[in-house]
PDB file of N, CA and C in Angstrom:
ATOM      1  N   UNK A   1      14.571 -10.962  -1.207  1.00  0.00           N
ATOM      2  CA  UNK A   1      14.277 -10.028  -0.128  1.00  0.00           C
ATOM      3  C   UNK A   1      13.806  -8.708  -0.740  1.00  0.00           C
ATOM      4  N   UNK A   2      12.665  -8.246  -0.292  1.00  0.00           N
ATOM      5  CA  UNK A   2      12.154  -6.938  -0.686  1.00  0.00           C
ATOM      6  C   UNK A   2      12.417  -5.986   0.466  1.00  0.00           C
ATOM      7  N   UNK A   3      13.022  -4.848   0.141  1.00  0.00           N
ATOM      8  CA  UNK A   3      13.299  -3.822   1.141  1.00  0.00           C
ATOM      9  C   UNK A   3      12.709  -2.508   0.659  1.00  0.00           C
ATOM     10  N   UNK A   4      12.269  -1.705   1.610  1.00  0.00           N
ATOM     11  CA  UNK A   4      11.711  -0.406   1.273  1.00  0.00           C
ATOM     12  C   UNK A   4      11.887   0.578   2.401  1.00  0.00           C
ATOM     13  N   UNK A   5      11.499   1.824   2.128  1.00  0.00           N
ATOM     14  CA  UNK A   5      11.636   2.868   3.139  1.00  0.00           C
ATOM     15  C   UNK A   5      10.739   4.045   2.790  1.00  0.00           C
ATOM     16  N   UNK A   6      10.584   4.908   3.764  1.00  0.00           N
ATOM     17  CA  UNK A   6       9.876   6.159   3.524  1.00  0.00           C
ATOM     18  C   UNK A   6      10.826   7.135   2.826  1.00  0.00           C
ATOM     19  N   UNK A   7      10.323   8.281   2.434  1.00  0.00           N
ATOM     20  CA  UNK A   7      11.117   9.257   1.695  1.00  0.00           C
ATOM     21  C   UNK A   7      12.319   9.763   2.488  1.00  0.00           C
ATOM     22  N   UNK A   8      12.151   9.989   3.793  1.00  0.00           N
ATOM     23  CA  UNK A   8      13.257  10.517   4.592  1.00  0.00           C
ATOM     24  C   UNK A   8      14.169   9.426   5.150  1.00  0.00           C
ATOM     25  N   UNK A   9      13.729   8.165   5.091  1.00  0.00           N
ATOM     26  CA  UNK A   9      14.546   7.059   5.570  1.00  0.00           C
ATOM     27  C   UNK A   9      14.370   6.704   7.029  1.00  0.00           C
ATOM     28  N   UNK A  10      13.496   7.418   7.745  1.00  0.00           N
ATOM     29  CA  UNK A  10      13.286   7.112   9.165  1.00  0.00           C
ATOM     30  C   UNK A  10      12.642   5.743   9.381  1.00  0.00           C
ATOM     31  N   UNK A  11      11.834   5.311   8.406  1.00  0.00           N
ATOM     32  CA  UNK A  11      11.158   4.019   8.508  1.00  0.00           C
ATOM     33  C   UNK A  11      11.656   3.119   7.383  1.00  0.00           C
ATOM     34  N   UNK A  12      12.020   1.909   7.744  1.00  0.00           N
ATOM     35  CA  UNK A  12      12.414   0.906   6.756  1.00  0.00           C
ATOM     36  C   UNK A  12      11.564  -0.341   6.982  1.00  0.00           C
ATOM     37  N   UNK A  13      11.408  -1.121   5.913  1.00  0.00           N
ATOM     38  CA  UNK A  13      10.712  -2.398   6.038  1.00  0.00           C
ATOM     39  C   UNK A  13      11.361  -3.402   5.102  1.00  0.00           C
ATOM     40  N   UNK A  14      11.171  -4.682   5.435  1.00  0.00           N
ATOM     41  CA  UNK A  14      11.691  -5.738   4.577  1.00  0.00           C
ATOM     42  C   UNK A  14      10.895  -7.008   4.789  1.00  0.00           C
ATOM     43  N   UNK A  15      10.891  -7.826   3.741  1.00  0.00           N
ATOM     44  CA  UNK A  15      10.249  -9.130   3.816  1.00  0.00           C
ATOM     45  C   UNK A  15      10.944 -10.101   2.881  1.00  0.00           C
ATOM     46  N   UNK A  16      11.044 -11.333   3.319  1.00  0.00           N
ATOM     47  CA  UNK A  16      11.563 -12.404   2.477  1.00  0.00           C
ATOM     48  C   UNK A  16      10.402 -13.228   1.917  1.00  0.00           C
ATOM     49  N   UNK A  17       9.184 -12.925   2.372  1.00  0.00           N
ATOM     50  CA  UNK A  17       7.996 -13.659   1.935  1.00  0.00           C
ATOM     51  C   UNK A  17       7.584 -13.226   0.531  1.00  0.00           C
ATOM     52  N   UNK A  18       6.871 -14.096  -0.147  1.00  0.00           N
ATOM     53  CA  UNK A  18       6.319 -13.788  -1.469  1.00  0.00           C
ATOM     54  C   UNK A  18       5.090 -12.898  -1.286  1.00  0.00           C
ATOM     55  N   UNK A  19       5.138 -11.636  -1.735  1.00  0.00           N
ATOM     56  CA  UNK A  19       3.986 -10.743  -1.585  1.00  0.00           C
ATOM     57  C   UNK A  19       2.774 -11.270  -2.359  1.00  0.00           C
ATOM     58  N   UNK A  20       1.604 -11.056  -1.797  1.00  0.00           N
ATOM     59  CA  UNK A  20       0.345 -11.511  -2.379  1.00  0.00           C
ATOM     60  C   UNK A  20      -0.544 -10.325  -2.724  1.00  0.00           C
ATOM     61  N   UNK A  21      -1.523 -10.563  -3.603  1.00  0.00           N
ATOM     62  CA  UNK A  21      -2.570  -9.587  -3.890  1.00  0.00           C
ATOM     63  C   UNK A  21      -2.118  -8.240  -4.395  1.00  0.00           C
ATOM     64  N   UNK A  22      -1.131  -8.172  -5.284  1.00  0.00           N
ATOM     65  CA  UNK A  22      -0.703  -6.859  -5.753  1.00  0.00           C
ATOM     66  C   UNK A  22      -1.838  -6.137  -6.479  1.00  0.00           C
ATOM     67  N   UNK A  23      -2.168  -4.961  -5.981  1.00  0.00           N
ATOM     68  CA  UNK A  23      -3.309  -4.237  -6.543  1.00  0.00           C
ATOM     69  C   UNK A  23      -3.057  -2.736  -6.539  1.00  0.00           C
ATOM     70  N   UNK A  24      -3.910  -2.066  -7.291  1.00  0.00           N
ATOM     71  CA  UNK A  24      -3.907  -0.605  -7.309  1.00  0.00           C
ATOM     72  C   UNK A  24      -5.269  -0.166  -6.791  1.00  0.00           C
ATOM     73  N   UNK A  25      -5.262   0.612  -5.722  1.00  0.00           N
ATOM     74  CA  UNK A  25      -6.506   1.059  -5.097  1.00  0.00           C
ATOM     75  C   UNK A  25      -6.861   2.459  -5.582  1.00  0.00           C
ATOM     76  N   UNK A  26      -8.111   2.600  -6.018  1.00  0.00           N
ATOM     77  CA  UNK A  26      -8.607   3.864  -6.558  1.00  0.00           C
ATOM     78  C   UNK A  26      -9.628   4.523  -5.637  1.00  0.00           C
ATOM     79  N   UNK A  27      -9.755   4.048  -4.381  1.00  0.00           N
ATOM     80  CA  UNK A  27     -10.746   4.623  -3.463  1.00  0.00           C
ATOM     81  C   UNK A  27     -10.383   6.070  -3.119  1.00  0.00           C
ATOM     82  N   UNK A  28     -11.379   6.814  -2.692  1.00  0.00           N
ATOM     83  CA  UNK A  28     -11.150   8.228  -2.396  1.00  0.00           C
ATOM     84  C   UNK A  28     -10.182   8.421  -1.226  1.00  0.00           C
ATOM     85  N   UNK A  29     -10.198   7.514  -0.241  1.00  0.00           N
ATOM     86  CA  UNK A  29      -9.280   7.656   0.887  1.00  0.00           C
ATOM     87  C   UNK A  29      -7.830   7.475   0.445  1.00  0.00           C
ATOM     88  N   UNK A  30      -7.545   6.448  -0.337  1.00  0.00           N
ATOM     89  CA  UNK A  30      -6.174   6.243  -0.816  1.00  0.00           C
ATOM     90  C   UNK A  30      -5.741   7.396  -1.724  1.00  0.00           C
ATOM     91  N   UNK A  31      -6.661   7.845  -2.597  1.00  0.00           N
ATOM     92  CA  UNK A  31      -6.302   8.955  -3.491  1.00  0.00           C
ATOM     93  C   UNK A  31      -5.981  10.211  -2.692  1.00  0.00           C
ATOM     94  N   UNK A  32      -6.756  10.484  -1.648  1.00  0.00           N
ATOM     95  CA  UNK A  32      -6.477  11.665  -0.822  1.00  0.00           C
ATOM     96  C   UNK A  32      -5.166  11.517  -0.056  1.00  0.00           C
ATOM     97  N   UNK A  33      -4.947  10.349   0.527  1.00  0.00           N
ATOM     98  CA  UNK A  33      -3.748  10.177   1.337  1.00  0.00           C
ATOM     99  C   UNK A  33      -2.490  10.063   0.488  1.00  0.00           C
ATOM    100  N   UNK A  34      -2.567   9.351  -0.624  1.00  0.00           N
ATOM    101  CA  UNK A  34      -1.377   9.132  -1.453  1.00  0.00           C
ATOM    102  C   UNK A  34      -1.211  10.183  -2.552  1.00  0.00           C
ATOM    103  N   UNK A  35      -2.246  10.968  -2.777  1.00  0.00           N
ATOM    104  CA  UNK A  35      -2.174  11.946  -3.858  1.00  0.00           C
ATOM    105  C   UNK A  35      -2.426  11.310  -5.225  1.00  0.00           C
ATOM    106  N   UNK A  36      -2.889  10.077  -5.228  1.00  0.00           N
ATOM    107  CA  UNK A  36      -3.178   9.355  -6.463  1.00  0.00           C
ATOM    108  C   UNK A  36      -3.486   7.908  -6.143  1.00  0.00           C
ATOM    109  N   UNK A  37      -3.355   7.063  -7.119  1.00  0.00           N
ATOM    110  CA  UNK A  37      -3.604   5.641  -6.940  1.00  0.00           C
ATOM    111  C   UNK A  37      -2.558   5.075  -5.975  1.00  0.00           C
ATOM    112  N   UNK A  38      -2.984   4.139  -5.107  1.00  0.00           N
ATOM    113  CA  UNK A  38      -2.050   3.508  -4.180  1.00  0.00           C
ATOM    114  C   UNK A  38      -1.835   2.060  -4.586  1.00  0.00           C
ATOM    115  N   UNK A  39      -0.608   1.721  -4.933  1.00  0.00           N
ATOM    116  CA  UNK A  39      -0.254   0.360  -5.323  1.00  0.00           C
ATOM    117  C   UNK A  39       0.355  -0.352  -4.126  1.00  0.00           C
ATOM    118  N   UNK A  40      -0.127  -1.579  -3.866  1.00  0.00           N
ATOM    119  CA  UNK A  40       0.369  -2.315  -2.713  1.00  0.00           C
ATOM    120  C   UNK A  40       0.299  -3.823  -2.944  1.00  0.00           C
ATOM    121  N   UNK A  41       0.952  -4.539  -2.054  1.00  0.00           N
ATOM    122  CA  UNK A  41       0.862  -5.995  -1.962  1.00  0.00           C
ATOM    123  C   UNK A  41       0.915  -6.308  -0.475  1.00  0.00           C
ATOM    124  N   UNK A  42       0.520  -7.524  -0.109  1.00  0.00           N
ATOM    125  CA  UNK A  42       0.509  -7.843   1.320  1.00  0.00           C
ATOM    126  C   UNK A  42       1.257  -9.133   1.619  1.00  0.00           C
ATOM    127  N   UNK A  43       1.675  -9.204   2.878  1.00  0.00           N
ATOM    128  CA  UNK A  43       2.319 -10.389   3.438  1.00  0.00           C
ATOM    129  C   UNK A  43       1.739 -10.604   4.839  1.00  0.00           C
ATOM    130  N   UNK A  44       2.006 -11.750   5.418  1.00  0.00           N
ATOM    131  CA  UNK A  44       1.590 -11.996   6.804  1.00  0.00           C
ATOM    132  C   UNK A  44       2.282 -10.985   7.717  1.00  0.00           C
ATOM    133  N   UNK A  45       1.580 -10.569   8.753  1.00  0.00           N
ATOM    134  CA  UNK A  45       2.160  -9.631   9.725  1.00  0.00           C
ATOM    135  C   UNK A  45       3.549 -10.082  10.171  1.00  0.00           C
ATOM    136  N   UNK A  46       3.659 -11.360  10.468  1.00  0.00           N
ATOM    137  CA  UNK A  46       4.921 -11.891  10.991  1.00  0.00           C
ATOM    138  C   UNK A  46       6.049 -11.904   9.954  1.00  0.00           C
ATOM    139  N   UNK A  47       5.710 -11.707   8.689  1.00  0.00           N
ATOM    140  CA  UNK A  47       6.720 -11.729   7.622  1.00  0.00           C
ATOM    141  C   UNK A  47       7.232 -10.348   7.230  1.00  0.00           C
ATOM    142  N   UNK A  48       6.683  -9.299   7.829  1.00  0.00           N
ATOM    143  CA  UNK A  48       7.137  -7.947   7.497  1.00  0.00           C
ATOM    144  C   UNK A  48       7.865  -7.358   8.698  1.00  0.00           C
ATOM    145  N   UNK A  49       9.133  -7.058   8.514  1.00  0.00           N
ATOM    146  CA  UNK A  49       9.942  -6.443   9.558  1.00  0.00           C
ATOM    147  C   UNK A  49       9.954  -4.932   9.322  1.00  0.00           C
ATOM    148  N   UNK A  50       9.444  -4.182  10.279  1.00  0.00           N
ATOM    149  CA  UNK A  50       9.377  -2.716  10.177  1.00  0.00           C
ATOM    150  C   UNK A  50      10.253  -2.125  11.265  1.00  0.00           C
ATOM    151  N   UNK A  51      11.104  -1.178  10.889  1.00  0.00           N
ATOM    152  CA  UNK A  51      11.879  -0.443  11.874  1.00  0.00           C
ATOM    153  C   UNK A  51      11.617   1.040  11.676  1.00  0.00           C
ATOM    154  N   UNK A  52      11.555   1.748  12.777  1.00  0.00           N
ATOM    155  CA  UNK A  52      11.311   3.182  12.723  1.00  0.00           C
ATOM    156  C   UNK A  52       9.949   3.539  13.291  1.00  0.00           C
ATOM    157  N   UNK A  53       9.725   4.837  13.477  1.00  0.00           N
ATOM    158  CA  UNK A  53       8.532   5.330  14.181  1.00  0.00           C
ATOM    159  C   UNK A  53       7.296   5.474  13.284  1.00  0.00           C
ATOM    160  N   UNK A  54       6.597   4.373  13.034  1.00  0.00           N
ATOM    161  CA  UNK A  54       5.370   4.427  12.232  1.00  0.00           C
ATOM    162  C   UNK A  54       4.261   5.081  13.046  1.00  0.00           C
ATOM    163  N   UNK A  55       3.556   6.014  12.439  1.00  0.00           N
ATOM    164  CA  UNK A  55       2.365   6.619  13.021  1.00  0.00           C
ATOM    165  C   UNK A  55       1.163   5.973  12.353  1.00  0.00           C
ATOM    166  N   UNK A  56       0.241   5.457  13.149  1.00  0.00           N
ATOM    167  CA  UNK A  56      -0.939   4.789  12.614  1.00  0.00           C
ATOM    168  C   UNK A  56      -2.126   5.731  12.647  1.00  0.00           C
ATOM    169  N   UNK A  57      -2.862   5.770  11.531  1.00  0.00           N
ATOM    170  CA  UNK A  57      -4.018   6.641  11.369  1.00  0.00           C
ATOM    171  C   UNK A  57      -5.194   5.805  10.888  1.00  0.00           C
ATOM    172  N   UNK A  58      -6.308   5.866  11.594  1.00  0.00           N
ATOM    173  CA  UNK A  58      -7.513   5.137  11.195  1.00  0.00           C
ATOM    174  C   UNK A  58      -8.445   6.083  10.445  1.00  0.00           C
ATOM    175  N   UNK A  59      -8.491   5.941   9.129  1.00  0.00           N
ATOM    176  CA  UNK A  59      -9.373   6.768   8.302  1.00  0.00           C
ATOM    177  C   UNK A  59     -10.802   6.225   8.319  1.00  0.00           C
ATOM    178  N   UNK A  60     -10.950   4.984   8.783  1.00  0.00           N
ATOM    179  CA  UNK A  60     -12.264   4.362   8.899  1.00  0.00           C
ATOM    180  C   UNK A  60     -12.205   3.348  10.040  1.00  0.00           C
ATOM    181  N   UNK A  61     -13.347   2.719  10.300  1.00  0.00           N
ATOM    182  CA  UNK A  61     -13.351   1.723  11.374  1.00  0.00           C
ATOM    183  C   UNK A  61     -12.947   0.330  10.881  1.00  0.00           C
ATOM    184  N   UNK A  62     -12.569   0.198   9.600  1.00  0.00           N
ATOM    185  CA  UNK A  62     -12.185  -1.119   9.088  1.00  0.00           C
ATOM    186  C   UNK A  62     -10.678  -1.293   8.901  1.00  0.00           C
ATOM    187  N   UNK A  63      -9.938  -0.192   8.972  1.00  0.00           N
ATOM    188  CA  UNK A  63      -8.491  -0.308   8.737  1.00  0.00           C
ATOM    189  C   UNK A  63      -7.748   0.891   9.299  1.00  0.00           C
ATOM    190  N   UNK A  64      -6.431   0.700   9.408  1.00  0.00           N
ATOM    191  CA  UNK A  64      -5.556   1.807   9.776  1.00  0.00           C
ATOM    192  C   UNK A  64      -4.421   1.873   8.757  1.00  0.00           C
ATOM    193  N   UNK A  65      -3.828   3.038   8.649  1.00  0.00           N
ATOM    194  CA  UNK A  65      -2.781   3.291   7.677  1.00  0.00           C
ATOM    195  C   UNK A  65      -1.522   3.735   8.407  1.00  0.00           C
ATOM    196  N   UNK A  66      -0.389   3.191   8.006  1.00  0.00           N
ATOM    197  CA  UNK A  66       0.878   3.522   8.635  1.00  0.00           C
ATOM    198  C   UNK A  66       1.632   4.547   7.809  1.00  0.00           C
ATOM    199  N   UNK A  67       1.989   5.653   8.450  1.00  0.00           N
ATOM    200  CA  UNK A  67       2.672   6.741   7.761  1.00  0.00           C
ATOM    201  C   UNK A  67       3.909   7.179   8.543  1.00  0.00           C
ATOM    202  N   UNK A  68       4.781   7.889   7.867  1.00  0.00           N
ATOM    203  CA  UNK A  68       5.927   8.502   8.526  1.00  0.00           C
ATOM    204  C   UNK A  68       5.522   9.913   8.927  1.00  0.00           C
ATOM    205  N   UNK A  69       5.623  10.222  10.206  1.00  0.00           N
ATOM    206  CA  UNK A  69       5.212  11.551  10.667  1.00  0.00           C
ATOM    207  C   UNK A  69       6.203  12.636  10.265  1.00  0.00           C
ATOM    208  N   UNK A  70       7.399  12.254   9.883  1.00  0.00           N
ATOM    209  CA  UNK A  70       8.399  13.246   9.482  1.00  0.00           C
ATOM    210  C   UNK A  70       8.218  13.661   8.016  1.00  0.00           C
ATOM    211  N   UNK A  71       8.158  12.696   7.089  1.00  0.00           N
ATOM    212  CA  UNK A  71       8.093  13.050   5.665  1.00  0.00           C
ATOM    213  C   UNK A  71       6.711  12.855   5.055  1.00  0.00           C
ATOM    214  N   UNK A  72       5.806  12.180   5.767  1.00  0.00           N
ATOM    215  CA  UNK A  72       4.444  12.002   5.293  1.00  0.00           C
ATOM    216  C   UNK A  72       4.216  10.807   4.387  1.00  0.00           C
ATOM    217  N   UNK A  73       5.233   9.984   4.165  1.00  0.00           N
ATOM    218  CA  UNK A  73       5.054   8.821   3.297  1.00  0.00           C
ATOM    219  C   UNK A  73       3.981   7.890   3.846  1.00  0.00           C
ATOM    220  N   UNK A  74       3.088   7.463   2.965  1.00  0.00           N
ATOM    221  CA  UNK A  74       2.020   6.518   3.290  1.00  0.00           C
ATOM    222  C   UNK A  74       2.542   5.139   2.906  1.00  0.00           C
ATOM    223  N   UNK A  75       2.859   4.311   3.911  1.00  0.00           N
ATOM    224  CA  UNK A  75       3.595   3.066   3.703  1.00  0.00           C
ATOM    225  C   UNK A  75       2.797   1.780   3.888  1.00  0.00           C
ATOM    226  N   UNK A  76       1.849   1.760   4.839  1.00  0.00           N
ATOM    227  CA  UNK A  76       1.203   0.511   5.216  1.00  0.00           C
ATOM    228  C   UNK A  76      -0.306   0.663   5.330  1.00  0.00           C
ATOM    229  N   UNK A  77      -0.997  -0.444   5.102  1.00  0.00           N
ATOM    230  CA  UNK A  77      -2.443  -0.532   5.291  1.00  0.00           C
ATOM    231  C   UNK A  77      -2.712  -1.822   6.041  1.00  0.00           C
ATOM    232  N   UNK A  78      -3.447  -1.722   7.150  1.00  0.00           N
ATOM    233  CA  UNK A  78      -3.699  -2.880   8.011  1.00  0.00           C
ATOM    234  C   UNK A  78      -5.191  -2.974   8.288  1.00  0.00           C
ATOM    235  N   UNK A  79      -5.841  -4.000   7.736  1.00  0.00           N
ATOM    236  CA  UNK A  79      -7.263  -4.217   7.977  1.00  0.00           C
ATOM    237  C   UNK A  79      -7.518  -4.713   9.389  1.00  0.00           C
ATOM    238  N   UNK A  80      -8.571  -4.206  10.011  1.00  0.00           N
ATOM    239  CA  UNK A  80      -8.922  -4.599  11.379  1.00  0.00           C
ATOM    240  C   UNK A  80      -9.208  -6.097  11.424  1.00  0.00           C
ATOM    241  N   UNK A  81      -8.542  -6.796  12.351  1.00  0.00           N
ATOM    242  CA  UNK A  81      -8.748  -8.215  12.532  1.00  0.00           C
ATOM    243  C   UNK A  81      -8.056  -9.103  11.505  1.00  0.00           C
ATOM    244  N   UNK A  82      -7.324  -8.526  10.579  1.00  0.00           N
ATOM    245  CA  UNK A  82      -6.622  -9.317   9.569  1.00  0.00           C
ATOM    246  C   UNK A  82      -5.217  -9.666  10.054  1.00  0.00           C
ATOM    247  N   UNK A  83      -4.679 -10.768   9.571  1.00  0.00           N
ATOM    248  CA  UNK A  83      -3.327 -11.175   9.951  1.00  0.00           C
ATOM    249  C   UNK A  83      -2.308 -10.887   8.856  1.00  0.00           C
ATOM    250  N   UNK A  84      -2.682  -9.970   7.953  1.00  0.00           N
ATOM    251  CA  UNK A  84      -1.770  -9.531   6.898  1.00  0.00           C
ATOM    252  C   UNK A  84      -1.619  -8.020   6.969  1.00  0.00           C
ATOM    253  N   UNK A  85      -0.575  -7.527   6.323  1.00  0.00           N
ATOM    254  CA  UNK A  85      -0.339  -6.091   6.240  1.00  0.00           C
ATOM    255  C   UNK A  85       0.099  -5.769   4.818  1.00  0.00           C
ATOM    256  N   UNK A  86      -0.466  -4.717   4.270  1.00  0.00           N
ATOM    257  CA  UNK A  86      -0.100  -4.269   2.924  1.00  0.00           C
ATOM    258  C   UNK A  86       0.999  -3.226   3.022  1.00  0.00           C
ATOM    259  N   UNK A  87       1.888  -3.246   2.051  1.00  0.00           N
ATOM    260  CA  UNK A  87       2.949  -2.238   1.988  1.00  0.00           C
ATOM    261  C   UNK A  87       2.925  -1.576   0.614  1.00  0.00           C
ATOM    262  N   UNK A  88       3.351  -0.320   0.582  1.00  0.00           N
ATOM    263  CA  UNK A  88       3.336   0.472  -0.644  1.00  0.00           C
ATOM    264  C   UNK A  88       4.412  -0.006  -1.609  1.00  0.00           C
ATOM    265  N   UNK A  89       4.002  -0.396  -2.810  1.00  0.00           N
ATOM    266  CA  UNK A  89       4.977  -0.820  -3.814  1.00  0.00           C
ATOM    267  C   UNK A  89       5.874   0.341  -4.237  1.00  0.00           C
ATOM    268  N   UNK A  90       5.357   1.548  -4.173  1.00  0.00           N
ATOM    269  CA  UNK A  90       6.152   2.721  -4.523  1.00  0.00           C
ATOM    270  C   UNK A  90       7.259   3.027  -3.537  1.00  0.00           C
ATOM    271  N   UNK A  91       7.197   2.434  -2.343  1.00  0.00           N
ATOM    272  CA  UNK A  91       8.223   2.657  -1.324  1.00  0.00           C
ATOM    273  C   UNK A  91       9.319   1.604  -1.355  1.00  0.00           C
ATOM    274  N   UNK A  92       9.174   0.614  -2.245  1.00  0.00           N
ATOM    275  CA  UNK A  92      10.186  -0.438  -2.349  1.00  0.00           C
ATOM    276  C   UNK A  92      11.452   0.135  -2.974  1.00  0.00           C
ATOM    277  N   UNK A  93      12.590  -0.218  -2.413  1.00  0.00           N
ATOM    278  CA  UNK A  93      13.882   0.229  -2.942  1.00  0.00           C
ATOM    279  C   UNK A  93      14.256  -0.676  -4.114  1.00  0.00           C
ATOM    280  N   UNK A  94      14.367  -0.109  -5.295  1.00  0.00           N
ATOM    281  CA  UNK A  94      14.714  -0.883  -6.483  1.00  0.00           C
ATOM    282  C   UNK A  94      13.499  -1.551  -7.096  1.00  0.00           C
ATOM    283  N   UNK A  95      13.752  -2.490  -7.986  1.00  0.00           N
ATOM    284  CA  UNK A  95      12.686  -3.216  -8.662  1.00  0.00           C
ATOM    285  C   UNK A  95      11.960  -4.125  -7.685  1.00  0.00           C
ATOM    286  N   UNK A  96      10.660  -4.302  -7.909  1.00  0.00           N
ATOM    287  CA  UNK A  96       9.853  -5.148  -7.032  1.00  0.00           C
ATOM    288  C   UNK A  96       9.749  -6.582  -7.540  1.00  0.00           C
ATOM    289  N   UNK A  97       9.795  -6.761  -8.850  1.00  0.00           N
ATOM    290  CA  UNK A  97       9.554  -8.077  -9.430  1.00  0.00           C
ATOM    291  C   UNK A  97       8.088  -8.476  -9.346  1.00  0.00           C
ATOM    292  N   UNK A  98       7.221  -7.516  -9.053  1.00  0.00           N
ATOM    293  CA  UNK A  98       5.794  -7.761  -8.853  1.00  0.00           C
ATOM    294  C   UNK A  98       5.000  -7.109  -9.983  1.00  0.00           C
ATOM    295  N   UNK A  99       3.970  -7.776 -10.437  1.00  0.00           N
ATOM    296  CA  UNK A  99       3.053  -7.217 -11.433  1.00  0.00           C
ATOM    297  C   UNK A  99       1.674  -7.072 -10.798  1.00  0.00           C
ATOM    298  N   UNK A 100       1.012  -5.973 -11.065  1.00  0.00           N
ATOM    299  CA  UNK A 100      -0.326  -5.715 -10.538  1.00  0.00           C
ATOM    300  C   UNK A 100      -1.297  -6.779 -11.054  1.00  0.00           C
ATOM    301  N   UNK A 101      -2.101  -7.346 -10.144  1.00  0.00           N
ATOM    302  CA  UNK A 101      -3.061  -8.387 -10.503  1.00  0.00           C
ATOM    303  C   UNK A 101      -4.482  -7.853 -10.653  1.00  0.00           C
ATOM    304  N   UNK A 102      -4.775  -6.707 -10.005  1.00  0.00           N
ATOM    305  CA  UNK A 102      -6.132  -6.160 -10.098  1.00  0.00           C
ATOM    306  C   UNK A 102      -6.155  -4.695  -9.674  1.00  0.00           C
ATOM    307  N   UNK A 103      -7.195  -4.020 -10.129  1.00  0.00           N
ATOM    308  CA  UNK A 103      -7.519  -2.665  -9.692  1.00  0.00           C
ATOM    309  C   UNK A 103      -8.728  -2.798  -8.780  1.00  0.00           C
ATOM    310  N   UNK A 104      -8.708  -2.106  -7.640  1.00  0.00           N
ATOM    311  CA  UNK A 104      -9.831  -2.184  -6.706  1.00  0.00           C
ATOM    312  C   UNK A 104     -10.448  -0.804  -6.475  1.00  0.00           C
ATOM    313  N   UNK A 105     -11.701  -0.814  -6.086  1.00  0.00           N
ATOM    314  CA  UNK A 105     -12.485   0.393  -5.835  1.00  0.00           C
ATOM    315  C   UNK A 105     -12.523   1.318  -7.056  1.00  0.00           C
ATOM    316  N   UNK A 106     -12.668   0.716  -8.227  1.00  0.00           N
ATOM    317  CA  UNK A 106     -12.694   1.521  -9.442  1.00  0.00           C
ATOM    318  C   UNK A 106     -13.979   2.335  -9.570  1.00  0.00           C
ATOM    319  N   UNK A 107     -15.016   1.971  -8.825  1.00  0.00           N
ATOM    320  CA  UNK A 107     -16.259   2.739  -8.863  1.00  0.00           C
ATOM    321  C   UNK A 107     -16.047   4.151  -8.325  1.00  0.00           C
ATOM    322  N   UNK A 108     -15.012   4.358  -7.520  1.00  0.00           N
ATOM    323  CA  UNK A 108     -14.760   5.694  -6.971  1.00  0.00           C
ATOM    324  C   UNK A 108     -13.451   6.297  -7.480  1.00  0.00           C
ATOM    325  N   UNK A 109     -12.952   5.802  -8.600  1.00  0.00           N
ATOM    326  CA  UNK A 109     -11.710   6.340  -9.162  1.00  0.00           C
ATOM    327  C   UNK A 109     -11.902   7.789  -9.589  1.00  0.00           C
ATOM    328  N   UNK A 110     -10.798   8.499  -9.719  1.00  0.00           N
ATOM    329  CA  UNK A 110     -10.847   9.878 -10.183  1.00  0.00           C
ATOM    330  C   UNK A 110     -11.301   9.958 -11.633  1.00  0.00           C
ATOM    331  N   UNK A 111     -11.912  11.075 -11.986  1.00  0.00           N
ATOM    332  CA  UNK A 111     -12.397  11.251 -13.360  1.00  0.00           C
ATOM    333  C   UNK A 111     -11.315  11.760 -14.301  1.00  0.00           C
ATOM    334  N   UNK A 112     -10.120  11.966 -13.805  1.00  0.00           N
ATOM    335  CA  UNK A 112      -9.039  12.567 -14.578  1.00  0.00           C
ATOM    336  C   UNK A 112      -8.096  11.545 -15.213  1.00  0.00           C
ATOM    337  N   UNK A 113      -8.437  10.259 -15.141  1.00  0.00           N
ATOM    338  CA  UNK A 113      -7.609   9.235 -15.769  1.00  0.00           C
ATOM    339  C   UNK A 113      -8.466   8.042 -16.176  1.00  0.00           C
ATOM    340  N   UNK A 114      -7.926   7.243 -17.074  1.00  0.00           N
ATOM    341  CA  UNK A 114      -8.562   6.008 -17.514  1.00  0.00           C
ATOM    342  C   UNK A 114      -7.702   4.833 -17.064  1.00  0.00           C
ATOM    343  N   UNK A 115      -8.347   3.695 -16.876  1.00  0.00           N
ATOM    344  CA  UNK A 115      -7.634   2.456 -16.588  1.00  0.00           C
ATOM    345  C   UNK A 115      -7.687   1.644 -17.881  1.00  0.00           C
ATOM    346  N   UNK A 116      -6.553   1.505 -18.533  1.00  0.00           N
ATOM    347  CA  UNK A 116      -6.544   0.869 -19.852  1.00  0.00           C
ATOM    348  C   UNK A 116      -5.423  -0.157 -19.986  1.00  0.00           C
ATOM    349  N   UNK A 117      -5.059  -0.790 -18.872  1.00  0.00           N
ATOM    350  CA  UNK A 117      -3.941  -1.736 -18.921  1.00  0.00           C
ATOM    351  C   UNK A 117      -4.369  -3.185 -19.088  1.00  0.00           C
ATOM    352  N   UNK A 118      -5.688  -3.440 -19.144  1.00  0.00           N
ATOM    353  CA  UNK A 118      -6.190  -4.793 -19.332  1.00  0.00           C
ATOM    354  C   UNK A 118      -6.191  -5.652 -18.080  1.00  0.00           C
ATOM    355  N   UNK A 119      -5.785  -5.098 -16.941  1.00  0.00           N
ATOM    356  CA  UNK A 119      -5.778  -5.829 -15.677  1.00  0.00           C
ATOM    357  C   UNK A 119      -7.208  -5.839 -15.127  1.00  0.00           C
ATOM    358  N   UNK A 120      -7.664  -6.950 -14.527  1.00  0.00           N
ATOM    359  CA  UNK A 120      -9.035  -7.020 -13.985  1.00  0.00           C
ATOM    360  C   UNK A 120      -9.338  -5.861 -13.026  1.00  0.00           C
ATOM    361  N   UNK A 121     -10.608  -5.441 -13.070  1.00  0.00           N
ATOM    362  CA  UNK A 121     -11.052  -4.332 -12.245  1.00  0.00           C
ATOM    363  C   UNK A 121     -12.217  -4.781 -11.354  1.00  0.00           C
ATOM    364  N   UNK A 122     -12.186  -4.362 -10.097  1.00  0.00           N
ATOM    365  CA  UNK A 122     -13.258  -4.637  -9.159  1.00  0.00           C
ATOM    366  C   UNK A 122     -13.901  -3.317  -8.752  1.00  0.00           C
ATOM    367  N   UNK A 123     -15.240  -3.279  -8.817  1.00  0.00           N
ATOM    368  CA  UNK A 123     -15.960  -2.053  -8.474  1.00  0.00           C
ATOM    369  C   UNK A 123     -15.667  -1.592  -7.049  1.00  0.00           C
ATOM    370  N   UNK A 124     -15.636  -2.530  -6.124  1.00  0.00           N
ATOM    371  CA  UNK A 124     -15.364  -2.192  -4.709  1.00  0.00           C
ATOM    372  C   UNK A 124     -14.100  -2.873  -4.252  1.00  0.00           C
TER     373      UNK A 124
END
């Protein structure tokens, strides 16, 4: 069971499902919202139990992001029309047992860091 929460604890989430697609996103939207790289994995919508007042924000017409309006934690990413939901690995309570499988949107990564971990990189 993976459990997580926002910084203030108003929102909690949990899943017993095996998370898929663990990645680090370097797009400008994630960097602006998270203050840096956003690490996440996804599960089926029906496999993620969320409690608390999630505020949804659509930064584009392809997805929305779930945040805590009290503490500002950026917790979820939901693609339009998709049946999965991504959750922030940084919000998981304790160890995740997950290893990053890829870096995405590296074409728009910040110029202030290098990616040198040997994990596959995707331009978009």
